[in-house]
C-alpha atoms as a PDB file:
ATOM      1  CA  MET A   1     122.021 152.223 120.332  1.00  0.00           C
ATOM      2  CA  THR A   2     123.847 151.112 123.449  1.00  0.00           C
ATOM      3  CA  HIS A   3     123.800 153.614 126.309  1.00  0.00           C
ATOM      4  CA  PRO A   4     123.886 153.585 130.126  1.00  0.00           C
ATOM      5  CA  VAL A   5     120.333 152.718 131.205  1.00  0.00           C
ATOM      6  CA  LEU A   6     120.928 152.317 134.940  1.00  0.00           C
ATOM      7  CA  THR A   7     123.378 154.590 136.751  1.00  0.00           C
ATOM      8  CA  LEU A   8     124.381 154.721 140.421  1.00  0.00           C
ATOM      9  CA  ARG A   9     126.367 157.690 141.728  1.00  0.00           C
ATOM     10  CA  ASP A  10     128.030 157.652 145.167  1.00  0.00           C
ATOM     11  CA  LEU A  11     125.199 155.605 146.663  1.00  0.00           C
ATOM     12  CA  ARG A  12     125.322 155.192 150.450  1.00  0.00           C
ATOM     13  CA  LYS A  13     123.173 153.333 152.947  1.00  0.00           C
ATOM     14  CA  SER A  14     123.603 153.036 156.711  1.00  0.00           C
ATOM     15  CA  PHE A  15     121.664 151.173 159.356  1.00  0.00           C
ATOM     16  CA  GLY A  16     122.306 153.127 162.524  1.00  0.00           C
ATOM     17  CA  ALA A  17     126.041 153.657 162.804  1.00  0.00           C
ATOM     18  CA  THR A  18     126.824 150.796 160.413  1.00  0.00           C
ATOM     19  CA  GLU A  19     127.469 151.826 156.817  1.00  0.00           C
ATOM     20  CA  ILE A  20     126.489 148.976 154.503  1.00  0.00           C
ATOM     21  CA  ILE A  21     126.800 150.661 151.102  1.00  0.00           C
ATOM     22  CA  ARG A  22     129.808 152.962 150.950  1.00  0.00           C
ATOM     23  CA  GLY A  23     129.726 155.214 147.915  1.00  0.00           C
ATOM     24  CA  VAL A  24     128.839 152.764 145.148  1.00  0.00           C
ATOM     25  CA  SER A  25     129.037 154.125 141.602  1.00  0.00           C
ATOM     26  CA  LEU A  26     128.425 151.988 138.538  1.00  0.00           C
ATOM     27  CA  SER A  27     126.499 151.940 135.284  1.00  0.00           C
ATOM     28  CA  VAL A  28     124.698 149.226 133.366  1.00  0.00           C
ATOM     29  CA  LEU A  29     124.443 149.485 129.585  1.00  0.00           C
ATOM     30  CA  SER A  30     121.149 149.037 127.784  1.00  0.00           C
ATOM     31  CA  ASP A  31     122.021 145.656 126.251  1.00  0.00           C
ATOM     32  CA  GLU A  32     124.517 144.127 128.663  1.00  0.00           C
ATOM     33  CA  ARG A  33     124.399 141.432 131.314  1.00  0.00           C
ATOM     34  CA  HIS A  34     126.139 142.898 134.353  1.00  0.00           C
ATOM     35  CA  ALA A  35     126.921 140.630 137.318  1.00  0.00           C
ATOM     36  CA  ILE A  36     127.588 141.717 140.881  1.00  0.00           C
ATOM     37  CA  ILE A  37     129.654 139.351 142.998  1.00  0.00           C
ATOM     38  CA  GLY A  38     131.130 139.534 146.462  1.00  0.00           C
ATOM     39  CA  PRO A  39     131.393 137.670 149.760  1.00  0.00           C
ATOM     40  CA  ASN A  40     128.466 137.217 152.124  1.00  0.00           C
ATOM     41  CA  GLY A  41     127.726 140.486 153.899  1.00  0.00           C
ATOM     42  CA  ALA A  42     129.180 142.604 151.095  1.00  0.00           C
ATOM     43  CA  GLY A  43     125.881 144.493 150.663  1.00  0.00           C
ATOM     44  CA  LYS A  44     124.658 142.944 147.409  1.00  0.00           C
ATOM     45  CA  SER A  45     121.030 142.427 148.484  1.00  0.00           C
ATOM     46  CA  THR A  46     120.966 145.854 150.150  1.00  0.00           C
ATOM     47  CA  LEU A  47     122.148 147.377 146.874  1.00  0.00           C
ATOM     48  CA  PHE A  48     119.327 145.621 145.012  1.00  0.00           C
ATOM     49  CA  HIS A  49     116.819 146.886 147.592  1.00  0.00           C
ATOM     50  CA  LEU A  50     118.039 150.451 147.008  1.00  0.00           C
ATOM     51  CA  ILE A  51     117.831 150.192 143.229  1.00  0.00           C
ATOM     52  CA  SER A  52     114.338 148.667 143.251  1.00  0.00           C
ATOM     53  CA  GLY A  53     112.967 151.118 145.833  1.00  0.00           C
ATOM     54  CA  ASN A  54     112.519 148.667 148.714  1.00  0.00           C
ATOM     55  CA  LEU A  55     115.004 150.727 150.747  1.00  0.00           C
ATOM     56  CA  SER A  56     115.832 154.446 150.671  1.00  0.00           C
ATOM     57  CA  ALA A  57     119.436 155.581 150.310  1.00  0.00           C
ATOM     58  CA  ASN A  58     121.004 157.952 152.829  1.00  0.00           C
ATOM     59  CA  SER A  59     122.683 159.782 149.963  1.00  0.00           C
ATOM     60  CA  GLY A  60     123.635 159.393 146.321  1.00  0.00           C
ATOM     61  CA  GLU A  61     121.669 159.137 143.093  1.00  0.00           C
ATOM     62  CA  ILE A  62     120.056 156.410 141.030  1.00  0.00           C
ATOM     63  CA  SER A  63     118.824 157.078 137.505  1.00  0.00           C
ATOM     64  CA  LEU A  64     116.908 154.856 135.108  1.00  0.00           C
ATOM     65  CA  ASP A  65     117.340 155.763 131.465  1.00  0.00           C
ATOM     66  CA  GLY A  66     118.320 159.292 132.497  1.00  0.00           C
ATOM     67  CA  GLN A  67     115.416 159.788 134.897  1.00  0.00           C
ATOM     68  CA  PRO A  68     116.082 160.059 138.671  1.00  0.00           C
ATOM     69  CA  ILE A  69     114.422 157.253 140.632  1.00  0.00           C
ATOM     70  CA  THR A  70     116.090 157.770 144.022  1.00  0.00           C
ATOM     71  CA  GLY A  71     113.414 157.576 146.728  1.00  0.00           C
ATOM     72  CA  LYS A  72     110.598 156.448 144.406  1.00  0.00           C
ATOM     73  CA  SER A  73     108.340 153.545 145.376  1.00  0.00           C
ATOM     74  CA  PRO A  74     108.920 150.061 143.920  1.00  0.00           C
ATOM     75  CA  GLN A  75     105.676 150.378 141.940  1.00  0.00           C
ATOM     76  CA  SER A  76     106.743 153.706 140.408  1.00  0.00           C
ATOM     77  CA  ILE A  77     110.158 152.317 139.503  1.00  0.00           C
ATOM     78  CA  ASN A  78     108.566 149.266 137.916  1.00  0.00           C
ATOM     79  CA  ARG A  79     106.303 151.468 135.783  1.00  0.00           C
ATOM     80  CA  LEU A  80     109.396 153.340 134.576  1.00  0.00           C
ATOM     81  CA  GLY A  81     110.934 150.126 133.279  1.00  0.00           C
ATOM     82  CA  LEU A  82     112.708 148.167 136.009  1.00  0.00           C
ATOM     83  CA  ALA A  83     111.602 144.704 137.138  1.00  0.00           C
ATOM     84  CA  ARG A  84     113.075 142.555 139.884  1.00  0.00           C
ATOM     85  CA  SER A  85     112.947 138.976 141.072  1.00  0.00           C
ATOM     86  CA  PHE A  86     113.951 138.092 144.617  1.00  0.00           C
ATOM     87  CA  GLN A  87     116.104 135.383 146.223  1.00  0.00           C
ATOM     88  CA  ILE A  88     112.932 133.552 147.227  1.00  0.00           C
ATOM     89  CA  THR A  89     110.483 132.722 144.466  1.00  0.00           C
ATOM     90  CA  ASN A  90     107.594 135.170 144.354  1.00  0.00           C
ATOM     91  CA  ILE A  91     104.772 133.272 142.658  1.00  0.00           C
ATOM     92  CA  PHE A  92     101.173 132.349 143.496  1.00  0.00           C
ATOM     93  CA  PRO A  93     101.654 128.654 144.426  1.00  0.00           C
ATOM     94  CA  ARG A  94      97.953 127.713 144.315  1.00  0.00           C
ATOM     95  CA  LEU A  95      97.328 129.173 140.852  1.00  0.00           C
ATOM     96  CA  THR A  96      98.272 127.469 137.601  1.00  0.00           C
ATOM     97  CA  VAL A  97     101.327 128.494 135.645  1.00  0.00           C
ATOM     98  CA  TYR A  98      99.154 130.255 133.076  1.00  0.00           C
ATOM     99  CA  GLU A  99      97.151 132.068 135.771  1.00  0.00           C
ATOM    100  CA  ASN A 100     100.368 133.305 137.384  1.00  0.00           C
ATOM    101  CA  ILE A 101     101.611 134.737 134.125  1.00  0.00           C
ATOM    102  CA  ARG A 102      98.211 136.209 133.318  1.00  0.00           C
ATOM    103  CA  MET A 103      98.160 137.947 136.715  1.00  0.00           C
ATOM    104  CA  ALA A 104     101.550 139.536 135.935  1.00  0.00           C
ATOM    105  CA  VAL A 105     100.346 140.653 132.503  1.00  0.00           C
ATOM    106  CA  MET A 106      97.141 142.072 133.998  1.00  0.00           C
ATOM    107  CA  ARG A 107      99.190 144.060 136.523  1.00  0.00           C
ATOM    108  CA  ALA A 108     101.379 145.398 133.733  1.00  0.00           C
ATOM    109  CA  HIS A 109      98.262 146.633 131.921  1.00  0.00           C
ATOM    110  CA  GLY A 110      96.617 148.018 135.077  1.00  0.00           C
ATOM    111  CA  LEU A 111      93.935 145.336 134.978  1.00  0.00           C
ATOM    112  CA  GLN A 112      94.666 143.578 138.274  1.00  0.00           C
ATOM    113  CA  TYR A 113      91.328 144.601 139.740  1.00  0.00           C
ATOM    114  CA  CYS A 114      89.198 143.437 136.818  1.00  0.00           C
ATOM    115  CA  PHE A 115      86.977 140.395 137.072  1.00  0.00           C
ATOM    116  CA  TRP A 116      88.596 137.268 135.666  1.00  0.00           C
ATOM    117  CA  ARG A 117      85.786 136.536 133.196  1.00  0.00           C
ATOM    118  CA  PHE A 118      86.357 139.891 131.536  1.00  0.00           C
ATOM    119  CA  VAL A 119      90.120 139.333 131.422  1.00  0.00           C
ATOM    120  CA  ASN A 120      89.613 135.977 129.714  1.00  0.00           C
ATOM    121  CA  ALA A 121      88.002 137.893 126.866  1.00  0.00           C
ATOM    122  CA  ASN A 122      90.911 140.357 126.641  1.00  0.00           C
ATOM    123  CA  LYS A 123      92.780 139.280 123.524  1.00  0.00           C
ATOM    124  CA  LYS A 124      95.889 141.336 124.292  1.00  0.00           C
ATOM    125  CA  VAL A 125      96.290 139.843 127.777  1.00  0.00           C
ATOM    126  CA  ARG A 126      95.703 136.323 126.463  1.00  0.00           C
ATOM    127  CA  GLN A 127      98.207 136.693 123.602  1.00  0.00           C
ATOM    128  CA  GLN A 128     100.933 138.190 125.775  1.00  0.00           C
ATOM    129  CA  SER A 129     100.437 135.490 128.409  1.00  0.00           C
ATOM    130  CA  GLU A 130     100.778 132.768 125.784  1.00  0.00           C
ATOM    131  CA  GLN A 131     103.892 134.420 124.320  1.00  0.00           C
ATOM    132  CA  LEU A 132     105.547 134.533 127.738  1.00  0.00           C
ATOM    133  CA  LEU A 133     104.671 130.881 128.357  1.00  0.00           C
ATOM    134  CA  GLU A 134     106.373 129.971 125.105  1.00  0.00           C
ATOM    135  CA  LEU A 135     109.371 132.223 125.773  1.00  0.00           C
ATOM    136  CA  VAL A 136     110.263 130.453 129.025  1.00  0.00           C
ATOM    137  CA  ARG A 137     109.391 126.993 127.620  1.00  0.00           C
ATOM    138  CA  LEU A 138     106.498 126.347 129.988  1.00  0.00           C
ATOM    139  CA  CYS A 139     103.686 125.731 127.477  1.00  0.00           C
ATOM    140  CA  PRO A 140     103.412 122.041 128.462  1.00  0.00           C
ATOM    141  CA  ARG A 141     103.015 123.132 132.102  1.00  0.00           C
ATOM    142  CA  ALA A 142     100.394 125.835 131.519  1.00  0.00           C
ATOM    143  CA  SER A 143      97.674 124.091 133.529  1.00  0.00           C
ATOM    144  CA  THR A 144     100.002 122.803 136.277  1.00  0.00           C
ATOM    145  CA  ILE A 145      99.607 124.231 139.777  1.00  0.00           C
ATOM    146  CA  ALA A 146     102.695 126.417 140.232  1.00  0.00           C
ATOM    147  CA  GLY A 147     103.478 125.154 143.728  1.00  0.00           C
ATOM    148  CA  GLU A 148     103.759 121.591 142.426  1.00  0.00           C
ATOM    149  CA  MET A 149     106.553 122.327 139.956  1.00  0.00           C
ATOM    150  CA  SER A 150     110.282 121.890 140.502  1.00  0.00           C
ATOM    151  CA  TYR A 151     112.263 124.804 141.877  1.00  0.00           C
ATOM    152  CA  SER A 152     113.920 125.535 138.519  1.00  0.00           C
ATOM    153  CA  GLU A 153     110.523 125.545 136.785  1.00  0.00           C
ATOM    154  CA  GLN A 154     109.210 127.972 139.399  1.00  0.00           C
ATOM    155  CA  ARG A 155     112.217 130.200 138.663  1.00  0.00           C
ATOM    156  CA  SER A 156     111.390 130.061 134.955  1.00  0.00           C
ATOM    157  CA  LEU A 157     107.831 131.076 135.799  1.00  0.00           C
ATOM    158  CA  GLU A 158     109.065 133.960 137.923  1.00  0.00           C
ATOM    159  CA  ILE A 159     111.285 135.138 135.064  1.00  0.00           C
ATOM    160  CA  ALA A 160     108.237 135.146 132.772  1.00  0.00           C
ATOM    161  CA  MET A 161     106.325 137.208 135.330  1.00  0.00           C
ATOM    162  CA  THR A 162     109.267 139.614 135.564  1.00  0.00           C
ATOM    163  CA  LEU A 163     109.189 140.063 131.787  1.00  0.00           C
ATOM    164  CA  ALA A 164     105.443 140.804 131.737  1.00  0.00           C
ATOM    165  CA  SER A 165     105.990 144.540 132.141  1.00  0.00           C
ATOM    166  CA  ASP A 166     108.462 144.574 129.205  1.00  0.00           C
ATOM    167  CA  PRO A 167     111.209 146.134 131.390  1.00  0.00           C
ATOM    168  CA  LYS A 168     114.290 147.998 130.213  1.00  0.00           C
ATOM    169  CA  VAL A 169     116.259 146.650 133.176  1.00  0.00           C
ATOM    170  CA  ILE A 170     115.883 143.270 134.891  1.00  0.00           C
ATOM    171  CA  LEU A 171     117.284 142.586 138.368  1.00  0.00           C
ATOM    172  CA  LEU A 172     117.779 138.929 139.309  1.00  0.00           C
ATOM    173  CA  ASP A 173     118.834 138.136 142.868  1.00  0.00           C
ATOM    174  CA  GLU A 174     120.609 134.751 143.120  1.00  0.00           C
ATOM    175  CA  PRO A 175     118.378 132.987 140.566  1.00  0.00           C
ATOM    176  CA  MET A 176     120.435 129.747 140.728  1.00  0.00           C
ATOM    177  CA  ALA A 177     120.316 129.365 144.525  1.00  0.00           C
ATOM    178  CA  GLY A 178     119.325 125.838 145.574  1.00  0.00           C
ATOM    179  CA  MET A 179     119.550 124.362 142.067  1.00  0.00           C
ATOM    180  CA  SER A 180     121.332 121.238 140.896  1.00  0.00           C
ATOM    181  CA  LYS A 181     124.085 121.562 138.298  1.00  0.00           C
ATOM    182  CA  GLU A 182     121.685 120.464 135.566  1.00  0.00           C
ATOM    183  CA  GLU A 183     119.007 122.937 136.662  1.00  0.00           C
ATOM    184  CA  THR A 184     121.614 125.700 136.892  1.00  0.00           C
ATOM    185  CA  GLY A 185     122.786 125.080 133.341  1.00  0.00           C
ATOM    186  CA  TYR A 186     119.213 125.117 132.025  1.00  0.00           C
ATOM    187  CA  THR A 187     118.250 128.296 133.900  1.00  0.00           C
ATOM    188  CA  SER A 188     121.452 130.102 132.951  1.00  0.00           C
ATOM    189  CA  ALA A 189     120.836 129.376 129.261  1.00  0.00           C
ATOM    190  CA  LEU A 190     117.219 130.510 129.614  1.00  0.00           C
ATOM    191  CA  ILE A 191     118.247 133.801 131.264  1.00  0.00           C
ATOM    192  CA  LYS A 192     120.796 134.427 128.525  1.00  0.00           C
ATOM    193  CA  GLU A 193     118.131 133.863 125.880  1.00  0.00           C
ATOM    194  CA  VAL A 194     115.257 135.890 127.347  1.00  0.00           C
ATOM    195  CA  THR A 195     117.391 138.895 128.368  1.00  0.00           C
ATOM    196  CA  ALA A 196     119.016 139.355 124.954  1.00  0.00           C
ATOM    197  CA  GLY A 197     118.820 143.040 124.018  1.00  0.00           C
ATOM    198  CA  ARG A 198     117.855 144.091 127.552  1.00  0.00           C
ATOM    199  CA  ALA A 199     119.893 145.259 130.517  1.00  0.00           C
ATOM    200  CA  LEU A 200     120.352 142.582 133.160  1.00  0.00           C
ATOM    201  CA  LEU A 201     121.822 143.166 136.612  1.00  0.00           C
ATOM    202  CA  ILE A 202     122.339 139.875 138.411  1.00  0.00           C
ATOM    203  CA  VAL A 203     123.650 138.853 141.828  1.00  0.00           C
ATOM    204  CA  GLU A 204     124.917 135.288 141.779  1.00  0.00           C
ATOM    205  CA  HIS A 205     127.293 133.159 143.854  1.00  0.00           C
ATOM    206  CA  ASP A 206     127.915 130.475 141.227  1.00  0.00           C
ATOM    207  CA  MET A 207     131.158 131.670 139.627  1.00  0.00           C
ATOM    208  CA  GLU A 208     130.770 129.407 136.611  1.00  0.00           C
ATOM    209  CA  VAL A 209     127.446 131.099 135.857  1.00  0.00           C
ATOM    210  CA  VAL A 210     128.857 134.585 136.515  1.00  0.00           C
ATOM    211  CA  PHE A 211     131.817 134.196 134.181  1.00  0.00           C
ATOM    212  CA  SER A 212     129.787 132.586 131.397  1.00  0.00           C
ATOM    213  CA  LEU A 213     126.780 134.902 131.627  1.00  0.00           C
ATOM    214  CA  GLY A 214     128.197 138.326 132.476  1.00  0.00           C
ATOM    215  CA  ASP A 215     129.413 140.801 129.862  1.00  0.00           C
ATOM    216  CA  ARG A 216     130.825 142.839 132.735  1.00  0.00           C
ATOM    217  CA  ILE A 217     131.288 142.051 136.399  1.00  0.00           C
ATOM    218  CA  SER A 218     131.443 144.365 139.416  1.00  0.00           C
ATOM    219  CA  VAL A 219     132.989 143.108 142.647  1.00  0.00           C
ATOM    220  CA  LEU A 220     131.420 144.429 145.850  1.00  0.00           C
ATOM    221  CA  VAL A 221     133.415 144.043 149.074  1.00  0.00           C
ATOM    222  CA  TYR A 222     132.327 145.623 152.374  1.00  0.00           C
ATOM    223  CA  GLY A 223     129.907 147.921 150.567  1.00  0.00           C
ATOM    224  CA  GLU A 224     132.402 149.201 147.988  1.00  0.00           C
ATOM    225  CA  VAL A 225     132.978 148.311 144.347  1.00  0.00           C
ATOM    226  CA  ILE A 226     136.649 147.344 144.187  1.00  0.00           C
ATOM    227  CA  ALA A 227     136.673 146.481 140.470  1.00  0.00           C
ATOM    228  CA  THR A 228     134.496 146.467 137.359  1.00  0.00           C
ATOM    229  CA  GLY A 229     135.489 144.842 134.106  1.00  0.00           C
ATOM    230  CA  THR A 230     135.055 142.035 131.633  1.00  0.00           C
ATOM    231  CA  PRO A 231     135.220 138.455 132.923  1.00  0.00           C
ATOM    232  CA  ASP A 232     138.851 138.211 131.772  1.00  0.00           C
ATOM    233  CA  GLU A 233     139.766 141.472 133.489  1.00  0.00           C
ATOM    234  CA  ILE A 234     138.137 140.377 136.741  1.00  0.00           C
ATOM    235  CA  ARG A 235     139.723 136.939 136.513  1.00  0.00           C
ATOM    236  CA  LEU A 236     143.186 138.505 136.324  1.00  0.00           C
ATOM    237  CA  ASN A 237     142.644 141.322 138.850  1.00  0.00           C
ATOM    238  CA  ALA A 238     145.020 140.859 141.790  1.00  0.00           C
ATOM    239  CA  ASP A 239     142.845 142.851 144.208  1.00  0.00           C
ATOM    240  CA  VAL A 240     139.816 140.722 143.362  1.00  0.00           C
ATOM    241  CA  LYS A 241     141.775 137.507 143.821  1.00  0.00           C
ATOM    242  CA  GLU A 242     142.958 138.630 147.228  1.00  0.00           C
ATOM    243  CA  ALA A 243     139.620 140.001 148.429  1.00  0.00           C
ATOM    244  CA  TYR A 244     137.201 137.436 147.075  1.00  0.00           C
ATOM    245  CA  LEU A 245     137.846 135.007 144.260  1.00  0.00           C
ATOM    246  CA  GLY A 246     140.930 133.190 145.491  1.00  0.00           C
ATOM    247  CA  GLU A 247     141.162 129.820 143.823  1.00  0.00           C
ATOM    248  CA  GLU A 248     137.734 130.257 142.209  1.00  0.00           C
ATOM    249  CA  VAL A 249     139.328 132.598 139.698  1.00  0.00           C
ATOM    250  CA  SER A 250     140.300 129.594 137.577  1.00  0.00           C
ATOM    251  CA  VAL A 251     136.720 129.075 136.300  1.00  0.00           C
END
């Protein structure tokens, strides 16, 4: 049953005298793809840092599936069901694709400190790793060194690693950055497929991706949410056009 799984209430963050996040309130439903858009400097990455525990809020509340997570460590938040990928790919470039995914699965099962030869014999780890490889269409690249793959393939790998902990909520920070149009189309379709039935919160600058992928969109301008709605509602919102979208609203 659909319900709010991630809720922000009057969230605020300042750096010295500069207030970056100014009373943000929003909710993400358990099975929706929710996009956050806004101009550079709007506070989007700071907001992601607050949600994932990489920064502490000055005030306000964050709850994950009804449980307060404000001020908890990133590791604690991850264990409660939230996983995040960053703007820059966060993989092990000298390991193979399979080894990267296996490392993520091991971490999810608390096995990151086990010897590799024992993990190889762990049927559950092996099966889950193979399932994730198949899910993100990287089976043919299983033995490839991760750092030798294309950027879009590395993003697919990172998405698989994000899914290893079976999260309730996935945060993706500009996953299409630096991609060609073809790579963007492929990655967007992959994200849509692998996040089905989960909550996705995504920051993305590509408006074509945002309006095709998002069930709802929130517009962040100068640290404040000025509008939240369906793609059609955001497309027609006069305040959003004036503050951010401009001519891009025609997508």
